[in-house]
Amino acid sequence: MSSEIDRTELKANEPLTLKITVTGKGNLELIEALSTVFPARFETYDPKISNILRKTAAAFQAAALSNILLFPEIPVNFRSNPVEFSILILRDSLIPFLQHPGIVLKSTKAMKSRAG
């Protein structure tokens, strides 16, 4: 499991994309949208979910991608909570807990537009 953002510094009201990826073997298409909680002053949109299936010599490998578009509405230094995810592996009766550190970003004051 991994998470990444397309940039760590931006101006208020500029868009940012958070991508969360889970890879492995099995029914990853059943994974629901993964996300993290953002403060009220972040405008967020529903995640876009993509599933990728690859056949290798040994087995099928899959990836579930969750892309989340968000806009910080005010200048802010922000650190999200870690992205957490758990799954059930029936064969081994295990429930591994996957965690990726949260994201860190800095939003500065938006540029004023010039009239004229």
C-alpha atoms as a PDB file:
ATOM      1  CA  MET A   1       0.000   0.000   0.000  1.00  0.00           C
ATOM      2  CA  SER A   2       1.249   3.466  -0.803  1.00  0.00           C
ATOM      3  CA  SER A   3      -0.045   7.026  -0.908  1.00  0.00           C
ATOM      4  CA  GLU A   4       1.315  10.102  -2.634  1.00  0.00           C
ATOM      5  CA  ILE A   5       0.370  13.649  -3.542  1.00  0.00           C
ATOM      6  CA  ASP A   6       1.276  15.418  -6.763  1.00  0.00           C
ATOM      7  CA  ARG A   7       2.885  18.319  -4.853  1.00  0.00           C
ATOM      8  CA  THR A   8       3.537  19.398  -1.290  1.00  0.00           C
ATOM      9  CA  GLU A   9       3.342  23.185  -1.700  1.00  0.00           C
ATOM     10  CA  LEU A  10       0.576  25.140  -3.394  1.00  0.00           C
ATOM     11  CA  LYS A  11      -1.520  28.283  -3.094  1.00  0.00           C
ATOM     12  CA  ALA A  12      -4.966  28.325  -1.480  1.00  0.00           C
ATOM     13  CA  ASN A  13      -7.713  27.231  -3.927  1.00  0.00           C
ATOM     14  CA  GLU A  14      -5.256  25.367  -6.176  1.00  0.00           C
ATOM     15  CA  PRO A  15      -6.042  21.688  -6.859  1.00  0.00           C
ATOM     16  CA  LEU A  16      -4.104  18.795  -5.408  1.00  0.00           C
ATOM     17  CA  THR A  17      -4.425  15.062  -6.165  1.00  0.00           C
ATOM     18  CA  LEU A  18      -3.967  12.390  -3.512  1.00  0.00           C
ATOM     19  CA  LYS A  19      -3.358   8.895  -4.918  1.00  0.00           C
ATOM     20  CA  ILE A  20      -3.741   5.807  -2.724  1.00  0.00           C
ATOM     21  CA  THR A  21      -2.645   2.460  -4.198  1.00  0.00           C
ATOM     22  CA  VAL A  22      -3.211  -1.043  -2.854  1.00  0.00           C
ATOM     23  CA  THR A  23      -1.471  -3.905  -4.698  1.00  0.00           C
ATOM     24  CA  GLY A  24      -1.521  -7.656  -4.260  1.00  0.00           C
ATOM     25  CA  LYS A  25      -3.289 -10.812  -5.338  1.00  0.00           C
ATOM     26  CA  GLY A  26      -7.001 -11.461  -5.057  1.00  0.00           C
ATOM     27  CA  ASN A  27     -10.273  -9.565  -5.396  1.00  0.00           C
ATOM     28  CA  LEU A  28      -8.936  -6.050  -5.187  1.00  0.00           C
ATOM     29  CA  GLU A  29     -11.842  -4.823  -7.304  1.00  0.00           C
ATOM     30  CA  LEU A  30     -13.978  -5.284  -4.160  1.00  0.00           C
ATOM     31  CA  ILE A  31     -11.982  -2.629  -2.304  1.00  0.00           C
ATOM     32  CA  GLU A  32     -14.006   0.466  -1.596  1.00  0.00           C
ATOM     33  CA  ALA A  33     -12.608   3.963  -1.903  1.00  0.00           C
ATOM     34  CA  LEU A  34      -9.686   4.637   0.418  1.00  0.00           C
ATOM     35  CA  SER A  35      -9.295   8.115   1.770  1.00  0.00           C
ATOM     36  CA  THR A  36      -8.159  10.200   4.674  1.00  0.00           C
ATOM     37  CA  VAL A  37     -10.063  12.860   6.576  1.00  0.00           C
ATOM     38  CA  PHE A  38      -9.372  16.493   5.703  1.00  0.00           C
ATOM     39  CA  PRO A  39     -10.357  19.626   7.649  1.00  0.00           C
ATOM     40  CA  ALA A  40     -13.603  21.409   6.803  1.00  0.00           C
ATOM     41  CA  ARG A  41     -11.710  24.109   4.875  1.00  0.00           C
ATOM     42  CA  PHE A  42     -10.603  21.550   2.256  1.00  0.00           C
ATOM     43  CA  GLU A  43     -12.971  21.078  -0.655  1.00  0.00           C
ATOM     44  CA  THR A  44     -12.828  17.394  -1.635  1.00  0.00           C
ATOM     45  CA  TYR A  45     -14.405  15.449  -4.479  1.00  0.00           C
ATOM     46  CA  ASP A  46     -15.459  11.809  -4.654  1.00  0.00           C
ATOM     47  CA  PRO A  47     -12.525   9.494  -5.348  1.00  0.00           C
ATOM     48  CA  LYS A  48     -11.988   8.077  -8.824  1.00  0.00           C
ATOM     49  CA  ILE A  49     -11.375   4.325  -8.456  1.00  0.00           C
ATOM     50  CA  SER A  50      -9.334   2.350 -11.003  1.00  0.00           C
ATOM     51  CA  ASN A  51      -8.581  -1.376 -10.939  1.00  0.00           C
ATOM     52  CA  ILE A  52      -5.637  -2.850 -12.848  1.00  0.00           C
ATOM     53  CA  LEU A  53      -5.197  -6.595 -13.387  1.00  0.00           C
ATOM     54  CA  ARG A  54      -1.924  -8.071 -14.708  1.00  0.00           C
ATOM     55  CA  LYS A  55      -1.152 -11.685 -15.492  1.00  0.00           C
ATOM     56  CA  THR A  56       2.373 -12.791 -14.633  1.00  0.00           C
ATOM     57  CA  ALA A  57       4.007 -16.189 -15.053  1.00  0.00           C
ATOM     58  CA  ALA A  58       3.202 -17.105 -11.442  1.00  0.00           C
ATOM     59  CA  ALA A  59      -0.227 -15.555 -10.828  1.00  0.00           C
ATOM     60  CA  PHE A  60      -2.513 -12.609 -11.344  1.00  0.00           C
ATOM     61  CA  GLN A  61      -1.495  -9.355  -9.700  1.00  0.00           C
ATOM     62  CA  ALA A  62      -3.885  -6.517  -9.107  1.00  0.00           C
ATOM     63  CA  ALA A  63      -3.825  -2.887  -8.087  1.00  0.00           C
ATOM     64  CA  ALA A  64      -6.628  -0.673  -6.832  1.00  0.00           C
ATOM     65  CA  LEU A  65      -6.029   3.056  -7.247  1.00  0.00           C
ATOM     66  CA  SER A  66      -8.018   5.774  -5.520  1.00  0.00           C
ATOM     67  CA  ASN A  67      -7.449   9.322  -6.823  1.00  0.00           C
ATOM     68  CA  ILE A  68      -8.912  12.123  -4.710  1.00  0.00           C
ATOM     69  CA  LEU A  69      -9.024  15.732  -5.935  1.00  0.00           C
ATOM     70  CA  LEU A  70      -8.971  18.370  -3.205  1.00  0.00           C
ATOM     71  CA  PHE A  71      -8.534  22.125  -2.774  1.00  0.00           C
ATOM     72  CA  PRO A  72      -7.339  23.820   0.436  1.00  0.00           C
ATOM     73  CA  GLU A  73      -9.538  26.920   0.700  1.00  0.00           C
ATOM     74  CA  ILE A  74      -7.229  28.807   3.082  1.00  0.00           C
ATOM     75  CA  PRO A  75      -3.474  28.990   3.747  1.00  0.00           C
ATOM     76  CA  VAL A  76      -2.581  26.027   5.971  1.00  0.00           C
ATOM     77  CA  ASN A  77       0.205  23.710   7.072  1.00  0.00           C
ATOM     78  CA  PHE A  78      -1.434  20.303   7.133  1.00  0.00           C
ATOM     79  CA  ARG A  79      -0.419  16.773   8.143  1.00  0.00           C
ATOM     80  CA  SER A  80      -3.054  14.089   7.557  1.00  0.00           C
ATOM     81  CA  ASN A  81      -3.628  11.030   9.672  1.00  0.00           C
ATOM     82  CA  PRO A  82      -2.045   7.834   8.364  1.00  0.00           C
ATOM     83  CA  VAL A  83      -3.964   6.010   5.645  1.00  0.00           C
ATOM     84  CA  GLU A  84      -5.088   2.701   7.151  1.00  0.00           C
ATOM     85  CA  PHE A  85      -6.470  -0.449   5.553  1.00  0.00           C
ATOM     86  CA  SER A  86      -7.067  -4.036   6.644  1.00  0.00           C
ATOM     87  CA  ILE A  87      -8.021  -7.190   4.724  1.00  0.00           C
ATOM     88  CA  LEU A  88      -9.022 -10.757   5.521  1.00  0.00           C
ATOM     89  CA  ILE A  89      -6.914 -13.567   4.081  1.00  0.00           C
ATOM     90  CA  LEU A  90      -9.188 -16.607   4.333  1.00  0.00           C
ATOM     91  CA  ARG A  91      -6.488 -19.179   3.594  1.00  0.00           C
ATOM     92  CA  ASP A  92      -4.399 -18.063   6.574  1.00  0.00           C
ATOM     93  CA  SER A  93      -7.226 -16.644   8.748  1.00  0.00           C
ATOM     94  CA  LEU A  94      -5.193 -13.441   9.037  1.00  0.00           C
ATOM     95  CA  ILE A  95      -6.253  -9.835   9.038  1.00  0.00           C
ATOM     96  CA  PRO A  96      -3.132  -7.857   8.147  1.00  0.00           C
ATOM     97  CA  PHE A  97      -3.262  -4.159   8.914  1.00  0.00           C
ATOM     98  CA  LEU A  98      -1.650  -1.953   6.285  1.00  0.00           C
ATOM     99  CA  GLN A  99      -0.665   1.599   7.078  1.00  0.00           C
ATOM    100  CA  HIS A 100       1.055   4.326   5.134  1.00  0.00           C
ATOM    101  CA  PRO A 101       2.192   7.596   6.712  1.00  0.00           C
ATOM    102  CA  GLY A 102      -0.110  10.494   6.093  1.00  0.00           C
ATOM    103  CA  ILE A 103       0.625  13.357   3.753  1.00  0.00           C
ATOM    104  CA  VAL A 104       2.173  16.724   4.580  1.00  0.00           C
ATOM    105  CA  LEU A 105       1.405  19.851   2.590  1.00  0.00           C
ATOM    106  CA  LYS A 106       1.737  23.609   2.831  1.00  0.00           C
ATOM    107  CA  SER A 107      -0.801  25.975   1.312  1.00  0.00           C
ATOM    108  CA  THR A 108       0.021  29.686   1.055  1.00  0.00           C
ATOM    109  CA  LYS A 109      -2.205  32.683   0.443  1.00  0.00           C
ATOM    110  CA  ALA A 110      -3.798  32.811  -3.025  1.00  0.00           C
ATOM    111  CA  MET A 111      -2.582  35.489  -5.405  1.00  0.00           C
ATOM    112  CA  LYS A 112      -5.007  38.403  -5.777  1.00  0.00           C
ATOM    113  CA  SER A 113      -6.283  38.826  -9.301  1.00  0.00           C
ATOM    114  CA  ARG A 114      -5.720  42.174 -10.987  1.00  0.00           C
ATOM    115  CA  ALA A 115      -8.748  43.913 -12.443  1.00  0.00           C
ATOM    116  CA  GLY A 116      -8.243  45.865 -15.558  1.00  0.00           C
END
